[in-house]
């Protein structure tokens, strides 16, 4: 076992998170790979066991204010008391489910600040539930940035079959994308991509930057963002020592990524990369929330209300998220220039 502690935060209780949690803990080698701290309501843990027919042995429950101290072979379950959590229904959004997700993240982040957690994996959240439960941001990244007081670049990456996708803009309306594309924003996005892949074990990440317009604008005929902001940003990143190239048309560069010529694509907006990478590896995908003072990963899919409670959810993305988180937690202190102060 490593000396790393990975916190597993329960997902929305109405989705597939409860069964994924139990299936992960039942996998050979998982509990041997790190100290495992489950954070959430005990009744939702029990729900996952009932849905899968699996009983996880040697689980010790501790109170929220109790310091997690591990003994060999055991899993710690930090119990959260969430109002009405036991009444959350399968395949339905709920304020209680959202409150559970928020409380679990907050608890894990607090423990990371105390130096007691090295990385966090969360089961799928439901953004509508989170909004009902008190999250005032569009996603969990906004919550994390406020919690840690992050003012620098932070973003979500999606990873599948060794291919990484970062993006300059994320959960914003398409009408707003162009005005958000600035040289500093793109340089920061490229730098964050380089830093994140190095934390994931890439010695010299090979990064390709997508154009914004069709055909990369055709030299200004179909838009000038490539000329005004993207190309200058790529050159500035290259001058800082980052191995990157572009901008290239987004509809063809993914073919080169799939062929292994590049490790990561920096796209300009959400669907420009999400559609491609989900087609190329949705059944294995991981989301990495980068730019935070700890590794934070999750399977790159939602709560899947359509199959929730049936015990048929695909474990591979969740297992990959755990492996990615542990790998990044093991590498982050060795990466020069990464601020590891929680």
Protein backbone atom coordinates (compact mmCIF):
# COMPACT_ATOMS: atom_id res chain seq x y z
CA UNK A 1 0.00 0.00 0.00
CA UNK A 2 1.12 3.57 -0.68
CA UNK A 3 0.93 6.16 2.06
CA UNK A 4 -1.57 8.17 0.01
CA UNK A 5 -5.13 8.72 1.20
CA UNK A 6 -7.80 8.95 -1.47
CA UNK A 7 -11.22 10.26 -0.51
CA UNK A 8 -14.22 8.80 -2.33
CA UNK A 9 -17.16 11.20 -2.27
CA UNK A 10 -20.59 9.67 -2.78
CA UNK A 11 -22.41 10.85 -5.87
CA UNK A 12 -26.05 11.75 -6.29
CA UNK A 13 -28.02 9.04 -4.45
CA UNK A 14 -30.64 8.92 -7.19
CA UNK A 15 -28.10 7.92 -9.84
CA UNK A 16 -25.59 5.15 -10.41
CA UNK A 17 -23.07 6.52 -7.89
CA UNK A 18 -24.00 4.20 -5.00
CA UNK A 19 -23.43 1.04 -7.05
CA UNK A 20 -20.24 2.40 -8.64
CA UNK A 21 -18.82 3.13 -5.20
CA UNK A 22 -19.41 -0.42 -4.01
CA UNK A 23 -18.20 -2.02 -7.25
CA UNK A 24 -14.97 0.00 -7.04
CA UNK A 25 -14.31 -1.02 -3.44
CA UNK A 26 -14.93 -4.65 -4.40
CA UNK A 27 -12.22 -4.58 -7.06
CA UNK A 28 -9.02 -6.48 -6.41
CA UNK A 29 -6.15 -4.17 -5.50
CA UNK A 30 -8.13 -0.98 -4.88
CA UNK A 31 -8.05 -0.99 -1.11
CA UNK A 32 -4.43 -2.18 -1.21
CA UNK A 33 -3.39 0.72 -3.45
CA UNK A 34 -4.16 3.51 -0.99
CA UNK A 35 -5.88 4.41 2.23
CA UNK A 36 -9.56 4.73 1.27
CA UNK A 37 -11.80 7.28 2.99
CA UNK A 38 -15.45 7.18 1.91
CA UNK A 39 -17.35 10.40 2.64
CA UNK A 40 -21.13 10.48 2.72
CA UNK A 41 -24.29 9.16 4.30
CA UNK A 42 -24.08 5.58 5.63
CA UNK A 43 -27.55 4.82 4.24
CA UNK A 44 -26.38 5.57 0.69
CA UNK A 45 -23.40 3.25 1.13
CA UNK A 46 -25.88 0.59 2.23
CA UNK A 47 -28.05 1.43 -0.80
CA UNK A 48 -25.11 0.66 -3.08
CA UNK A 49 -24.52 -2.66 -1.34
CA UNK A 50 -28.21 -3.56 -1.77
CA UNK A 51 -28.17 -2.58 -5.45
CA UNK A 52 -25.12 -4.69 -6.23
CA UNK A 53 -25.59 -7.54 -3.77
CA UNK A 54 -22.04 -6.92 -2.53
CA UNK A 55 -21.09 -6.41 1.10
CA UNK A 56 -17.83 -4.53 1.61
CA UNK A 57 -15.90 -6.00 4.56
CA UNK A 58 -13.87 -4.23 7.22
CA UNK A 59 -15.47 -0.79 6.97
CA UNK A 60 -15.13 1.38 10.07
CA UNK A 61 -17.42 4.38 10.48
CA UNK A 62 -16.10 7.61 11.98
CA UNK A 63 -17.70 10.93 12.85
CA UNK A 64 -17.22 14.07 10.78
CA UNK A 65 -15.03 15.69 13.42
CA UNK A 66 -12.90 12.58 13.94
CA UNK A 67 -9.39 12.44 12.49
CA UNK A 68 -9.13 9.56 9.98
CA UNK A 69 -6.49 7.16 11.29
CA UNK A 70 -6.16 3.99 9.26
CA UNK A 71 -5.43 0.44 10.27
CA UNK A 72 -4.21 -2.17 7.78
CA UNK A 73 -6.90 -3.56 5.54
CA UNK A 74 -9.74 -1.32 6.62
CA UNK A 75 -11.81 1.28 4.82
CA UNK A 76 -12.88 4.35 6.75
CA UNK A 77 -16.37 5.78 6.19
CA UNK A 78 -16.73 9.36 7.37
CA UNK A 79 -20.43 9.70 8.14
CA UNK A 80 -22.35 12.77 7.03
CA UNK A 81 -25.79 13.55 8.39
CA UNK A 82 -27.82 14.96 5.48
CA UNK A 83 -31.42 15.94 6.10
CA UNK A 84 -33.93 13.77 4.17
CA UNK A 85 -31.16 11.79 2.45
CA UNK A 86 -32.87 8.48 3.24
CA UNK A 87 -35.97 9.60 1.33
CA UNK A 88 -34.20 10.37 -1.94
CA UNK A 89 -35.74 8.36 -4.76
CA UNK A 90 -33.97 6.47 -7.52
CA UNK A 91 -33.79 8.37 -10.83
CA UNK A 92 -34.99 11.68 -9.40
CA UNK A 93 -33.26 14.96 -8.70
CA UNK A 94 -33.44 16.12 -5.11
CA UNK A 95 -32.22 18.91 -2.88
CA UNK A 96 -31.01 16.31 -0.39
CA UNK A 97 -28.97 14.58 -3.06
CA UNK A 98 -27.40 17.86 -4.10
CA UNK A 99 -26.70 18.85 -0.51
CA UNK A 100 -25.01 15.49 -0.01
CA UNK A 101 -22.71 16.11 -2.99
CA UNK A 102 -21.78 19.60 -1.80
CA UNK A 103 -21.19 18.48 1.80
CA UNK A 104 -19.04 15.56 0.65
CA UNK A 105 -16.82 17.77 -1.50
CA UNK A 106 -16.52 20.39 1.22
CA UNK A 107 -15.51 17.77 3.76
CA UNK A 108 -12.92 16.23 1.43
CA UNK A 109 -11.48 19.65 0.58
CA UNK A 110 -11.26 20.57 4.26
CA UNK A 111 -9.36 17.36 5.00
CA UNK A 112 -7.00 18.07 2.10
CA UNK A 113 -6.23 21.48 3.58
CA UNK A 114 -5.35 19.70 6.80
CA UNK A 115 -2.98 17.40 4.92
CA UNK A 116 -5.14 14.33 5.59
CA UNK A 117 -6.30 13.65 2.01
CA UNK A 118 -4.04 13.47 -1.05
CA UNK A 119 -6.68 13.21 -3.77
CA UNK A 120 -10.43 13.06 -4.27
CA UNK A 121 -12.58 10.92 -6.55
CA UNK A 122 -16.27 11.74 -6.67
CA UNK A 123 -19.06 9.60 -8.02
CA UNK A 124 -21.35 11.27 -10.60
CA UNK A 125 -23.10 14.40 -9.40
CA UNK A 126 -26.34 15.83 -10.78
CA UNK A 127 -26.03 19.56 -11.42
CA UNK A 128 -29.75 20.20 -11.01
CA UNK A 129 -29.73 18.45 -7.65
CA UNK A 130 -26.68 20.42 -6.61
CA UNK A 131 -28.40 23.67 -7.53
CA UNK A 132 -31.43 22.67 -5.47
CA UNK A 133 -29.09 21.71 -2.65
CA UNK A 134 -27.40 25.10 -2.49
CA UNK A 135 -24.64 25.19 -5.12
CA UNK A 136 -24.75 28.59 -6.81
CA UNK A 137 -22.21 27.73 -9.50
CA UNK A 138 -22.81 26.05 -12.86
CA UNK A 139 -20.66 23.08 -11.85
CA UNK A 140 -18.49 21.58 -9.14
CA UNK A 141 -15.37 23.32 -10.48
CA UNK A 142 -16.83 26.70 -9.58
CA UNK A 143 -17.53 25.44 -6.08
CA UNK A 144 -13.97 24.11 -5.77
CA UNK A 145 -12.40 27.35 -7.01
CA UNK A 146 -14.32 29.40 -4.45
CA UNK A 147 -13.51 26.98 -1.63
CA UNK A 148 -9.77 27.16 -2.29
CA UNK A 149 -9.77 30.82 -3.31
CA UNK A 150 -8.39 30.00 -6.75
CA UNK A 151 -7.89 33.07 -8.96
CA UNK A 152 -5.60 31.43 -11.50
CA UNK A 153 -6.56 29.17 -14.39
CA UNK A 154 -8.57 26.06 -13.51
CA UNK A 155 -10.39 23.82 -15.95
CA UNK A 156 -11.91 20.42 -16.59
CA UNK A 157 -10.04 17.88 -18.69
CA UNK A 158 -11.50 14.74 -20.20
CA UNK A 159 -9.31 11.72 -20.76
CA UNK A 160 -10.00 8.56 -22.75
CA UNK A 161 -7.63 5.93 -24.10
CA UNK A 162 -4.61 8.12 -23.40
CA UNK A 163 -6.09 11.15 -25.20
CA UNK A 164 -6.58 14.37 -23.20
CA UNK A 165 -8.93 17.24 -23.97
CA UNK A 166 -8.63 20.60 -22.26
CA UNK A 167 -10.68 23.66 -23.11
CA UNK A 168 -10.39 27.40 -22.88
CA UNK A 169 -14.09 28.01 -22.28
CA UNK A 170 -16.42 25.47 -20.75
CA UNK A 171 -19.97 25.82 -19.44
CA UNK A 172 -20.81 29.09 -21.18
CA UNK A 173 -23.24 30.04 -23.94
CA UNK A 174 -21.87 29.78 -27.48
CA UNK A 175 -22.69 33.46 -28.07
CA UNK A 176 -20.12 34.36 -25.40
CA UNK A 177 -17.22 32.16 -26.51
CA UNK A 178 -15.50 34.49 -28.98
CA UNK A 179 -15.18 37.40 -26.55
CA UNK A 180 -13.73 35.07 -23.92
CA UNK A 181 -10.91 33.96 -26.23
CA UNK A 182 -7.96 36.16 -25.28
CA UNK A 183 -4.22 35.63 -25.57
CA UNK A 184 -3.73 35.39 -21.78
CA UNK A 185 -6.64 32.95 -21.40
CA UNK A 186 -5.31 30.67 -24.13
CA UNK A 187 -1.72 30.83 -22.85
CA UNK A 188 -2.97 29.94 -19.37
CA UNK A 189 -5.01 27.05 -20.78
CA UNK A 190 -2.02 25.65 -22.65
CA UNK A 191 0.19 26.01 -19.57
CA UNK A 192 -2.39 24.27 -17.38
CA UNK A 193 -2.58 21.43 -19.89
CA UNK A 194 1.20 21.03 -19.81
CA UNK A 195 1.29 21.12 -16.02
CA UNK A 196 -1.60 18.68 -15.60
CA UNK A 197 -0.19 16.10 -17.99
CA UNK A 198 3.18 16.30 -16.25
CA UNK A 199 1.42 15.60 -12.97
CA UNK A 200 -0.17 12.61 -14.68
CA UNK A 201 3.27 11.26 -15.61
CA UNK A 202 4.03 12.72 -19.05
CA UNK A 203 7.65 13.92 -19.14
CA UNK A 204 7.10 16.27 -22.13
CA UNK A 205 3.44 16.49 -23.15
CA UNK A 206 2.73 16.94 -26.85
CA UNK A 207 -0.07 19.50 -27.12
CA UNK A 208 -2.04 20.55 -30.17
CA UNK A 209 -4.26 23.63 -30.12
CA UNK A 210 -7.56 23.69 -31.99
CA UNK A 211 -8.71 26.55 -34.17
CA UNK A 212 -11.99 28.27 -33.37
CA UNK A 213 -13.42 28.75 -36.85
CA UNK A 214 -14.02 26.24 -39.67
CA UNK A 215 -10.83 25.55 -41.65
CA UNK A 216 -8.92 27.57 -39.02
CA UNK A 217 -10.56 30.67 -40.46
CA UNK A 218 -9.03 30.28 -43.93
CA UNK A 219 -6.64 33.16 -43.27
CA UNK A 220 -9.39 35.42 -41.97
CA UNK A 221 -12.04 34.57 -44.53
CA UNK A 222 -14.24 32.83 -41.93
CA UNK A 223 -13.15 34.60 -38.76
CA UNK A 224 -9.94 36.09 -37.41
CA UNK A 225 -9.65 34.62 -33.91
CA UNK A 226 -6.83 32.37 -35.14
CA UNK A 227 -4.86 35.40 -36.35
CA UNK A 228 -5.65 37.76 -33.47
CA UNK A 229 -5.42 35.55 -30.40
CA UNK A 230 -4.84 31.82 -30.92
CA UNK A 231 -1.64 31.89 -33.00
CA UNK A 232 0.01 34.55 -30.80
CA UNK A 233 -0.91 32.52 -27.72
CA UNK A 234 0.63 29.35 -29.18
CA UNK A 235 3.84 31.22 -30.00
CA UNK A 236 3.98 32.66 -26.49
CA UNK A 237 3.52 29.20 -24.96
CA UNK A 238 6.22 27.79 -27.23
CA UNK A 239 8.59 30.54 -26.11
CA UNK A 240 8.07 29.45 -22.50
CA UNK A 241 9.29 25.93 -23.35
CA UNK A 242 5.95 24.16 -23.79
CA UNK A 243 5.79 21.65 -26.64
CA UNK A 244 2.67 22.81 -28.47
CA UNK A 245 1.54 23.55 -32.00
CA UNK A 246 -1.48 24.92 -33.85
CA UNK A 247 -4.03 26.24 -34.36
CA UNK A 248 -5.31 23.45 -36.57
CA UNK A 249 -8.86 22.77 -37.79
CA UNK A 250 -10.73 20.93 -35.07
CA UNK A 251 -12.46 18.51 -37.45
CA UNK A 252 -9.19 16.83 -38.50
CA UNK A 253 -6.71 17.24 -35.64
CA UNK A 254 -8.46 14.52 -33.61
CA UNK A 255 -7.42 12.00 -36.27
CA UNK A 256 -3.79 12.79 -35.47
CA UNK A 257 -4.43 12.54 -31.75
CA UNK A 258 -6.05 9.15 -32.23
CA UNK A 259 -3.01 8.08 -34.27
CA UNK A 260 -0.75 8.96 -31.32
CA UNK A 261 0.91 12.09 -32.71
CA UNK A 262 -0.26 14.24 -29.80
CA UNK A 263 -1.18 13.63 -26.16
CA UNK A 264 -3.61 16.48 -25.62
CA UNK A 265 -5.87 18.86 -27.50
CA UNK A 266 -6.66 22.34 -26.21
CA UNK A 267 -10.06 23.25 -27.62
CA UNK A 268 -11.77 26.61 -27.60
CA UNK A 269 -15.20 25.55 -26.36
CA UNK A 270 -17.01 22.66 -24.70
CA UNK A 271 -18.46 20.57 -27.53
CA UNK A 272 -15.48 21.09 -29.83
CA UNK A 273 -13.60 18.48 -27.84
CA UNK A 274 -16.28 16.71 -25.84
CA UNK A 275 -18.04 15.24 -28.85
CA UNK A 276 -14.80 13.86 -30.24
CA UNK A 277 -13.36 12.39 -27.08
CA UNK A 278 -16.65 10.82 -26.02
CA UNK A 279 -16.96 9.14 -29.39
CA UNK A 280 -13.38 7.93 -29.09
CA UNK A 281 -13.66 6.52 -25.58
CA UNK A 282 -16.79 7.36 -23.62
CA UNK A 283 -16.92 3.90 -22.07
CA UNK A 284 -13.51 4.51 -20.44
CA UNK A 285 -13.48 8.27 -19.92
CA UNK A 286 -12.30 10.24 -16.89
CA UNK A 287 -12.81 13.91 -16.02
CA UNK A 288 -9.94 15.68 -14.25
CA UNK A 289 -10.59 19.03 -12.56
CA UNK A 290 -7.22 20.72 -12.85
CA UNK A 291 -5.67 23.87 -11.45
CA UNK A 292 -6.65 23.00 -7.87
CA UNK A 293 -4.26 22.21 -4.98
CA UNK A 294 -5.15 18.51 -5.12
CA UNK A 295 -6.03 15.89 -7.76
CA UNK A 296 -9.79 15.79 -8.30
CA UNK A 297 -11.23 13.20 -10.69
CA UNK A 298 -14.56 11.62 -11.60
CA UNK A 299 -15.91 9.27 -14.25
CA UNK A 300 -16.69 11.27 -17.40
CA UNK A 301 -20.38 10.49 -17.45
CA UNK A 302 -23.47 11.57 -15.60
CA UNK A 303 -25.82 10.05 -13.07
CA UNK A 304 -27.53 7.86 -15.70
CA UNK A 305 -31.00 7.95 -14.17
CA UNK A 306 -32.21 5.65 -16.94
CA UNK A 307 -30.26 2.69 -15.51
CA UNK A 308 -29.94 3.76 -11.87
CA UNK A 309 -30.65 1.09 -9.29
CA UNK A 310 -30.30 -1.79 -11.72
CA UNK A 311 -26.72 -2.77 -10.89
CA UNK A 312 -25.62 -2.63 -14.54
CA UNK A 313 -23.48 0.56 -14.60
CA UNK A 314 -20.08 0.31 -16.29
CA UNK A 315 -17.33 0.49 -13.66
CA UNK A 316 -14.41 1.14 -16.03
CA UNK A 317 -14.53 4.98 -15.99
CA UNK A 318 -14.78 5.03 -12.19
CA UNK A 319 -11.87 2.62 -11.81
CA UNK A 320 -9.87 4.72 -14.28
CA UNK A 321 -10.72 7.86 -12.28
CA UNK A 322 -9.39 6.23 -9.11
CA UNK A 323 -6.18 5.12 -10.84
CA UNK A 324 -5.70 8.58 -12.37
CA UNK A 325 -6.23 10.31 -9.03
CA UNK A 326 -3.76 8.06 -7.22
CA UNK A 327 -1.19 8.48 -9.99
CA UNK A 328 -1.49 12.27 -9.88
CA UNK A 329 -1.34 12.31 -6.09
CA UNK A 330 1.88 10.32 -6.25
CA UNK A 331 3.42 12.62 -8.89
CA UNK A 332 2.32 16.09 -7.85
CA UNK A 333 5.02 16.77 -5.25
CA UNK A 334 7.70 15.86 -7.75
CA UNK A 335 6.52 18.31 -10.43
CA UNK A 336 8.65 21.45 -10.44
CA UNK A 337 6.57 24.61 -10.33
CA UNK A 338 3.36 23.03 -9.04
CA UNK A 339 2.03 24.70 -5.91
CA UNK A 340 1.25 21.83 -3.58
CA UNK A 341 0.18 23.92 -0.62
CA UNK A 342 -3.40 23.08 0.24
